[in-house]
Amino acid sequence: MTAEIIAIIVVALVVIVTLARTVRIIPQQRAGVVERLGKYNRTLEAGPRLMIPFFERIRTMADLREQVVPFPPQPVITQDSLSVNVDTVVYYTVTNARDATYEIANFIQGIEQLTITTLRNVIGSMDLERTLTSREEINNALRGVLDEATGRWGVRVNRVELRAIDPPPTIKDAMEKAMRADRDKRAAILNAEGTKQSQILTAEGDQQSAILRARGEAEATVTRAEGEARGQALRAKGEAQAIETVFEAIHEGDPDSKLLSYQYLQMLPKLAQGDANKLWIVPSELSKALEGLGGVVGALTGETDEEKATAADRSAKKDARVAERKRQRATGAELAQAIEQLGAPAVGPVAGDVARRPDDASSSE
């Protein structure tokens, strides 16, 4: 009984192991290289697959996804004999699991060594400045060489990236100094441009301000001149009206030569007033004024000649004076109108005419 149970258990285990080795499940994006009795037989793709147990086995399970392999920094000498450390990253994909298994023992190590060799050849033909500024060119050259060499390995190199290019410390310090100098130069240029623009804007503002001030002063000067001109015109008009009023008042009051002589003598002291009046001339009308004053004195003592005149002579003289006043009014109106048109005061001549006309009337009497 016990032997039968043991036999059943052994048979069950053999069946389980046989089934396990017969049915294999291949994951997605994987490929299994199958060997039968030590020789390559076929490549299994993703999914459940059947195998002959104990005669077939899976040699390798290749990963068909894109792989990223970083390589350690490698010292490379440039064309101008400068040593730089280059850090690279390779992106590759296994396209043929059989070739990747049988054509090369370790294709990753082969890619690394081929990358280092190609990198030294490419950078060795460039100087340092071109190496630092031509990363895309280096990447394309590396990818072309690696893709051609790894094609027979069942591997496709998608791209090669340079992660870092480190020049020697002395070169790095010199480059940093040059960069600082260049930045300082650009900063100085920008500051100079800013100062220039600021000065230009300030000058334009001062110019506009000066123009506006000059324009305002000109307008103010014109306004003041117009105001002064209007004021002079109004003063001249007022003086002309005052002269006309005085002229009419004098002639309507019918003054005689004696009264005018007395008023003339009263005005003589005022003519001599003022610091600038060092010398003044006695006019010829002074004698007539004195004669008129003598007539006034004679009238006070009762020795006037007018009392002896006849009534007919007085009436004739009165008519003559009325006619003379009408003529003088017309002349005064014409003078006032001329003064108003000219816009300038002409007091002196009018006053002279007013002062002379009573004397002429008295002399005509």
Protein backbone atom coordinates (compact mmCIF):
# COMPACT_ATOMS: atom_id res chain seq x y z
CA MET A 1 0.00 0.00 0.00
CA THR A 2 2.72 2.40 0.88
CA ALA A 3 4.68 1.60 -2.27
CA GLU A 4 1.67 2.29 -4.43
CA ILE A 5 1.15 5.71 -2.84
CA ILE A 6 4.77 6.60 -3.37
CA ALA A 7 4.58 5.53 -7.00
CA ILE A 8 1.48 7.63 -7.55
CA ILE A 9 3.17 10.65 -6.01
CA VAL A 10 6.26 10.20 -8.17
CA VAL A 11 4.18 9.86 -11.31
CA ALA A 12 2.22 12.98 -10.41
CA LEU A 13 5.40 14.95 -9.87
CA VAL A 14 6.79 13.77 -13.20
CA VAL A 15 3.61 14.81 -14.95
CA ILE A 16 3.64 18.22 -13.32
CA VAL A 17 7.27 18.82 -14.19
CA THR A 18 6.71 17.62 -17.73
CA LEU A 19 3.74 19.94 -18.19
CA ALA A 20 5.69 22.81 -16.71
CA ARG A 21 8.55 22.28 -19.11
CA THR A 22 6.21 21.72 -22.02
CA VAL A 23 4.13 24.91 -21.74
CA ARG A 24 6.06 28.24 -21.45
CA ILE A 25 4.55 31.72 -21.31
CA ILE A 26 6.64 34.47 -22.97
CA PRO A 27 5.95 38.04 -21.63
CA GLN A 28 5.18 40.98 -23.93
CA GLN A 29 8.20 42.62 -25.60
CA ARG A 30 10.34 39.62 -24.79
CA ALA A 31 11.82 36.93 -27.07
CA GLY A 32 13.07 33.49 -26.02
CA VAL A 33 15.94 31.77 -27.82
CA VAL A 34 15.22 27.99 -27.83
CA GLU A 35 17.96 25.37 -28.12
CA ARG A 36 17.26 21.71 -28.85
CA LEU A 37 19.95 19.37 -27.67
CA GLY A 38 22.38 22.34 -27.45
CA LYS A 39 21.65 23.74 -30.90
CA TYR A 40 19.63 26.80 -31.84
CA ASN A 41 16.14 25.75 -32.89
CA ARG A 42 13.81 28.76 -32.89
CA THR A 43 12.85 32.07 -31.23
CA LEU A 44 9.70 32.20 -29.15
CA GLU A 45 7.55 35.35 -29.27
CA ALA A 46 5.16 36.67 -26.62
CA GLY A 47 2.36 34.36 -25.49
CA PRO A 48 1.98 30.69 -24.44
CA ARG A 49 4.38 28.38 -26.27
CA LEU A 50 4.96 24.58 -26.29
CA MET A 51 8.34 22.96 -25.89
CA ILE A 52 9.64 19.40 -25.85
CA PRO A 53 10.58 18.73 -22.27
CA PHE A 54 14.06 17.51 -21.45
CA PHE A 55 15.15 18.08 -25.10
CA GLU A 56 14.58 21.83 -25.51
CA ARG A 57 15.45 24.76 -23.29
CA ILE A 58 15.35 28.53 -23.45
CA ARG A 59 18.91 29.83 -23.74
CA THR A 60 18.18 33.55 -23.16
CA MET A 61 15.15 35.76 -22.75
CA ALA A 62 15.92 38.95 -24.71
CA ASP A 63 14.28 42.28 -23.79
CA LEU A 64 12.99 43.98 -26.94
CA ARG A 65 12.27 47.33 -25.27
CA GLU A 66 14.54 50.38 -25.70
CA GLN A 67 17.34 50.26 -23.19
CA VAL A 68 19.35 53.11 -21.68
CA VAL A 69 22.95 52.43 -20.73
CA PRO A 70 25.05 55.20 -19.10
CA PHE A 71 28.79 54.88 -19.53
CA PRO A 72 31.33 56.31 -17.08
CA PRO A 73 33.22 59.50 -18.10
CA GLN A 74 36.08 58.85 -20.48
CA PRO A 75 39.17 61.06 -20.98
CA VAL A 76 39.42 62.23 -24.58
CA ILE A 77 42.12 64.41 -26.17
CA THR A 78 40.98 67.14 -28.56
CA GLN A 79 42.75 68.36 -31.68
CA ASP A 80 44.40 71.20 -29.75
CA SER A 81 45.89 68.67 -27.24
CA LEU A 82 43.50 69.32 -24.38
CA SER A 83 42.14 66.48 -22.29
CA VAL A 84 38.41 66.53 -21.60
CA ASN A 85 36.19 64.05 -19.78
CA VAL A 86 33.14 63.02 -21.80
CA ASP A 87 30.13 61.39 -20.17
CA THR A 88 27.87 59.52 -22.63
CA VAL A 89 24.50 57.75 -22.62
CA VAL A 90 23.51 55.19 -25.28
CA TYR A 91 19.92 54.32 -26.21
CA TYR A 92 19.62 50.97 -28.02
CA THR A 93 17.03 48.33 -28.94
CA VAL A 94 17.49 44.56 -29.54
CA THR A 95 16.06 43.80 -32.95
CA ASN A 96 17.22 40.17 -33.31
CA ALA A 97 17.40 37.99 -30.21
CA ARG A 98 19.34 35.21 -32.00
CA ASP A 99 22.12 37.54 -33.24
CA ALA A 100 22.31 39.31 -29.88
CA THR A 101 22.82 35.87 -28.28
CA TYR A 102 25.19 34.15 -30.68
CA GLU A 103 27.04 36.95 -32.58
CA ILE A 104 28.60 38.57 -29.52
CA ALA A 105 29.16 37.37 -25.99
CA ASN A 106 28.18 40.69 -24.32
CA PHE A 107 26.77 43.27 -26.69
CA ILE A 108 26.49 45.93 -23.94
CA GLN A 109 30.21 45.80 -23.30
CA GLY A 110 30.80 45.83 -27.05
CA ILE A 111 28.66 48.96 -27.44
CA GLU A 112 30.56 50.66 -24.60
CA GLN A 113 33.98 49.98 -26.09
CA LEU A 114 32.83 50.93 -29.57
CA THR A 115 31.36 54.17 -28.22
CA ILE A 116 34.61 55.09 -26.48
CA THR A 117 36.67 54.38 -29.60
CA THR A 118 34.35 56.30 -31.90
CA LEU A 119 34.12 59.20 -29.44
CA ARG A 120 37.90 59.55 -29.35
CA ASN A 121 38.08 59.53 -33.14
CA VAL A 122 35.34 62.15 -33.54
CA ILE A 123 36.49 64.53 -30.77
CA GLY A 124 40.13 64.06 -31.74
CA SER A 125 39.35 65.82 -35.03
CA MET A 126 37.85 68.87 -33.26
CA ASP A 127 39.27 71.61 -31.09
CA LEU A 128 37.89 72.39 -27.64
CA GLU A 129 35.63 75.24 -28.70
CA ARG A 130 34.06 73.19 -31.48
CA THR A 131 33.69 70.21 -29.13
CA LEU A 132 31.77 72.31 -26.62
CA THR A 133 29.47 73.82 -29.25
CA SER A 134 28.95 70.84 -31.60
CA ARG A 135 27.17 68.26 -29.47
CA GLU A 136 24.59 67.50 -32.11
CA GLU A 137 27.28 66.85 -34.68
CA ILE A 138 29.11 64.50 -32.29
CA ASN A 139 25.88 62.65 -31.47
CA ASN A 140 25.06 62.10 -35.13
CA ALA A 141 28.59 60.86 -35.89
CA LEU A 142 28.53 58.41 -32.96
CA ARG A 143 25.08 57.09 -33.83
CA GLY A 144 26.05 56.51 -37.47
CA VAL A 145 29.18 54.54 -36.60
CA LEU A 146 27.56 52.53 -33.79
CA ASP A 147 24.45 51.70 -35.79
CA GLU A 148 26.53 50.34 -38.64
CA ALA A 149 28.77 48.27 -36.35
CA THR A 150 26.02 46.88 -34.10
CA GLY A 151 23.70 45.92 -36.95
CA ARG A 152 25.21 42.43 -37.19
CA TRP A 153 24.78 42.01 -33.43
CA GLY A 154 21.02 42.29 -33.69
CA VAL A 155 21.11 45.65 -31.89
CA ARG A 156 20.05 49.07 -33.20
CA VAL A 157 21.55 52.19 -31.58
CA ASN A 158 18.81 54.80 -31.54
CA ARG A 159 20.87 57.75 -30.31
CA VAL A 160 23.92 58.71 -28.30
CA GLU A 161 23.80 61.66 -25.91
CA LEU A 162 26.72 63.54 -24.40
CA ARG A 163 25.69 64.29 -20.83
CA ALA A 164 28.76 66.31 -19.94
CA ILE A 165 32.01 67.57 -21.45
CA ASP A 166 34.38 68.65 -18.68
CA PRO A 167 37.54 70.53 -19.73
CA PRO A 168 40.58 70.74 -17.44
CA PRO A 169 40.30 72.99 -14.36
CA THR A 170 42.67 75.61 -15.78
CA ILE A 171 40.71 75.79 -19.02
CA LYS A 172 37.48 75.92 -17.06
CA ASP A 173 38.76 78.87 -15.00
CA ALA A 174 39.86 80.68 -18.15
CA MET A 175 36.49 80.04 -19.74
CA GLU A 176 34.69 81.33 -16.64
CA LYS A 177 36.83 84.48 -16.68
CA ALA A 178 36.07 84.98 -20.36
CA MET A 179 32.38 84.47 -19.71
CA ARG A 180 32.46 86.93 -16.83
CA ALA A 181 34.29 89.46 -18.98
CA ASP A 182 31.75 88.98 -21.75
CA ARG A 183 28.86 89.38 -19.31
CA ASP A 184 30.48 92.49 -17.83
CA LYS A 185 30.93 93.86 -21.34
CA ARG A 186 27.30 93.25 -22.22
CA ALA A 187 26.22 94.77 -18.91
CA ALA A 188 28.37 97.86 -19.58
CA ILE A 189 26.89 98.15 -23.08
CA LEU A 190 23.38 97.84 -21.70
CA ASN A 191 24.13 100.44 -19.02
CA ALA A 192 25.59 102.77 -21.63
CA GLU A 193 22.56 102.29 -23.85
CA GLY A 194 20.27 102.95 -20.90
CA THR A 195 22.21 106.10 -19.95
CA LYS A 196 22.13 107.25 -23.58
CA GLN A 197 18.38 106.74 -23.83
CA SER A 198 17.88 108.47 -20.50
CA GLN A 199 19.95 111.47 -21.58
CA ILE A 200 18.13 111.62 -24.91
CA LEU A 201 14.76 111.54 -23.18
CA THR A 202 15.93 114.16 -20.66
CA ALA A 203 17.21 116.41 -23.46
CA GLU A 204 13.96 116.01 -25.38
CA GLY A 205 12.01 116.82 -22.23
CA ASP A 206 14.14 119.93 -21.59
CA GLN A 207 13.69 120.98 -25.20
CA GLN A 208 9.93 120.58 -25.05
CA SER A 209 9.85 122.39 -21.71
CA ALA A 210 11.94 125.27 -23.11
CA ILE A 211 9.70 125.46 -26.17
CA LEU A 212 6.59 125.54 -24.02
CA ARG A 213 8.10 128.17 -21.69
CA ALA A 214 9.16 130.33 -24.65
CA ARG A 215 5.74 129.92 -26.21
CA GLY A 216 4.08 130.85 -22.93
CA GLU A 217 6.34 133.88 -22.47
CA ALA A 218 5.65 134.98 -26.05
CA GLU A 219 1.92 134.64 -25.55
CA ALA A 220 2.18 136.51 -22.24
CA THR A 221 4.22 139.27 -23.90
CA VAL A 222 1.69 139.55 -26.71
CA THR A 223 -1.14 139.63 -24.19
CA ARG A 224 0.62 142.33 -22.12
CA ALA A 225 1.36 144.35 -25.25
CA GLU A 226 -2.25 144.07 -26.37
CA GLY A 227 -3.41 145.08 -22.89
CA GLU A 228 -1.04 148.06 -22.82
CA ALA A 229 -2.14 149.08 -26.32
CA ARG A 230 -5.79 148.89 -25.30
CA GLY A 231 -4.98 150.79 -22.10
CA GLN A 232 -3.18 153.53 -24.02
CA ALA A 233 -6.02 153.72 -26.50
CA LEU A 234 -8.56 153.98 -23.67
CA ARG A 235 -6.43 156.57 -21.85
CA ALA A 236 -6.03 158.58 -25.05
CA LYS A 237 -9.77 158.35 -25.66
CA GLY A 238 -10.48 159.43 -22.08
CA GLU A 239 -8.04 162.34 -22.31
CA ALA A 240 -9.57 163.39 -25.61
CA GLN A 241 -13.04 163.27 -24.07
CA ALA A 242 -11.76 165.21 -21.04
CA ILE A 243 -10.19 167.82 -23.30
CA GLU A 244 -13.39 168.05 -25.28
CA THR A 245 -15.42 168.40 -22.08
CA VAL A 246 -13.10 171.11 -20.72
CA PHE A 247 -13.11 172.81 -24.10
CA GLU A 248 -16.90 172.85 -24.20
CA ALA A 249 -17.15 173.96 -20.56
CA ILE A 250 -14.76 176.83 -21.14
CA HIS A 251 -16.50 178.11 -24.24
CA GLU A 252 -20.00 177.54 -22.94
CA GLY A 253 -19.08 179.57 -19.87
CA ASP A 254 -18.08 182.44 -22.18
CA PRO A 255 -14.84 183.37 -20.32
CA ASP A 256 -13.22 186.65 -21.11
CA SER A 257 -9.53 187.30 -21.57
CA LYS A 258 -9.12 188.55 -18.05
CA LEU A 259 -10.23 185.27 -16.48
CA LEU A 260 -8.05 183.25 -18.85
CA SER A 261 -5.06 185.46 -18.04
CA TYR A 262 -5.62 184.89 -14.35
CA GLN A 263 -5.79 181.10 -14.82
CA TYR A 264 -2.65 181.17 -16.94
CA LEU A 265 -0.74 182.95 -14.18
CA GLN A 266 -1.90 180.30 -11.71
CA MET A 267 -0.51 177.50 -13.90
CA LEU A 268 2.97 179.05 -14.30
CA PRO A 269 4.33 177.84 -10.89
CA LYS A 270 3.30 174.25 -11.71
CA LEU A 271 5.34 174.36 -14.90
CA ALA A 272 8.48 175.04 -12.88
CA GLN A 273 7.98 172.05 -10.53
CA GLY A 274 10.10 168.89 -10.93
CA ASP A 275 13.79 168.02 -10.59
CA ALA A 276 14.35 167.97 -14.33
CA ASN A 277 13.12 171.54 -14.86
CA LYS A 278 16.38 173.48 -14.48
CA LEU A 279 15.50 176.14 -17.06
CA TRP A 280 12.13 177.31 -18.31
CA ILE A 281 11.24 180.02 -20.82
CA VAL A 282 8.62 182.66 -20.24
CA PRO A 283 6.24 182.55 -23.22
CA SER A 284 5.13 185.58 -25.15
CA GLU A 285 1.59 185.10 -23.90
CA LEU A 286 2.77 186.28 -20.48
CA SER A 287 2.53 189.90 -21.59
CA LYS A 288 -1.04 189.34 -22.72
CA ALA A 289 -1.76 187.65 -19.40
CA LEU A 290 -0.34 190.63 -17.55
CA GLU A 291 -2.42 192.96 -19.69
CA GLY A 292 -5.46 190.88 -18.84
CA LEU A 293 -4.51 190.97 -15.19
CA GLY A 294 -4.19 194.74 -15.43
CA GLY A 295 -7.67 194.83 -16.85
CA VAL A 296 -8.89 192.85 -13.86
CA VAL A 297 -7.22 195.30 -11.49
CA GLY A 298 -8.70 198.19 -13.43
CA ALA A 299 -12.13 196.60 -13.20
CA LEU A 300 -11.76 196.38 -9.45
CA THR A 301 -10.83 200.12 -9.28
CA GLY A 302 -13.66 201.11 -11.66
CA GLU A 303 -11.42 202.05 -14.61
CA THR A 304 -12.67 199.51 -17.26
CA ASP A 305 -13.23 200.48 -20.88
CA GLU A 306 -16.02 197.89 -21.54
CA GLU A 307 -18.50 200.01 -19.64
CA LYS A 308 -18.06 202.69 -22.26
CA ALA A 309 -18.90 200.31 -25.12
CA THR A 310 -22.28 200.53 -26.70
CA ALA A 311 -24.92 197.80 -26.45
CA ALA A 312 -24.74 197.21 -30.20
CA ASP A 313 -21.02 196.42 -30.04
CA ARG A 314 -21.58 193.95 -27.20
CA SER A 315 -24.27 192.13 -29.14
CA ALA A 316 -22.03 191.86 -32.19
CA LYS A 317 -19.12 190.54 -30.15
CA LYS A 318 -21.38 188.00 -28.43
CA ASP A 319 -22.58 186.69 -31.77
CA ALA A 320 -19.01 186.43 -32.94
CA ARG A 321 -18.07 184.46 -29.83
CA VAL A 322 -20.98 182.05 -30.31
CA ALA A 323 -19.91 181.40 -33.90
CA GLU A 324 -16.34 180.90 -32.76
CA ARG A 325 -17.42 178.38 -30.12
CA LYS A 326 -19.35 176.36 -32.70
CA ARG A 327 -16.33 176.29 -34.95
CA GLN A 328 -14.11 175.23 -32.03
CA ARG A 329 -16.54 172.43 -31.03
CA ALA A 330 -16.44 171.05 -34.56
CA THR A 331 -12.65 171.23 -34.57
CA GLY A 332 -12.46 169.52 -31.15
CA ALA A 333 -14.73 166.68 -32.31
CA GLU A 334 -12.55 166.11 -35.37
CA LEU A 335 -9.43 166.06 -33.19
CA ALA A 336 -10.98 163.58 -30.76
CA GLN A 337 -11.99 161.29 -33.61
CA ALA A 338 -8.47 161.44 -35.07
CA ILE A 339 -6.94 160.62 -31.66
CA GLU A 340 -9.25 157.66 -31.24
CA GLN A 341 -8.30 156.34 -34.69
CA LEU A 342 -4.59 156.73 -34.06
CA GLY A 343 -4.78 155.08 -30.62
CA ALA A 344 -2.12 157.41 -29.16
CA PRO A 345 -2.46 160.33 -26.76
CA ALA A 346 -2.21 163.80 -28.28
CA VAL A 347 -2.98 165.93 -25.28
CA GLY A 348 -0.34 168.59 -25.83
CA PRO A 349 -1.49 169.97 -29.18
CA VAL A 350 -5.15 169.86 -28.20
CA ALA A 351 -4.45 171.62 -24.94
CA GLY A 352 -2.43 174.21 -26.85
CA ASP A 353 -5.34 174.82 -29.19
CA VAL A 354 -7.71 175.14 -26.27
CA ALA A 355 -5.38 177.56 -24.54
CA ARG A 356 -4.81 179.64 -27.67
CA ARG A 357 -8.37 179.97 -28.86
CA PRO A 358 -9.57 182.12 -25.92
CA ASP A 359 -6.64 184.42 -26.50
CA ASP A 360 -7.49 184.61 -30.17
CA ALA A 361 -11.07 185.42 -29.24
CA SER A 362 -9.95 188.05 -26.78
CA SER A 363 -7.57 189.51 -29.31
CA SER A 364 -10.34 189.60 -31.87
CA GLU A 365 -12.46 191.42 -29.40
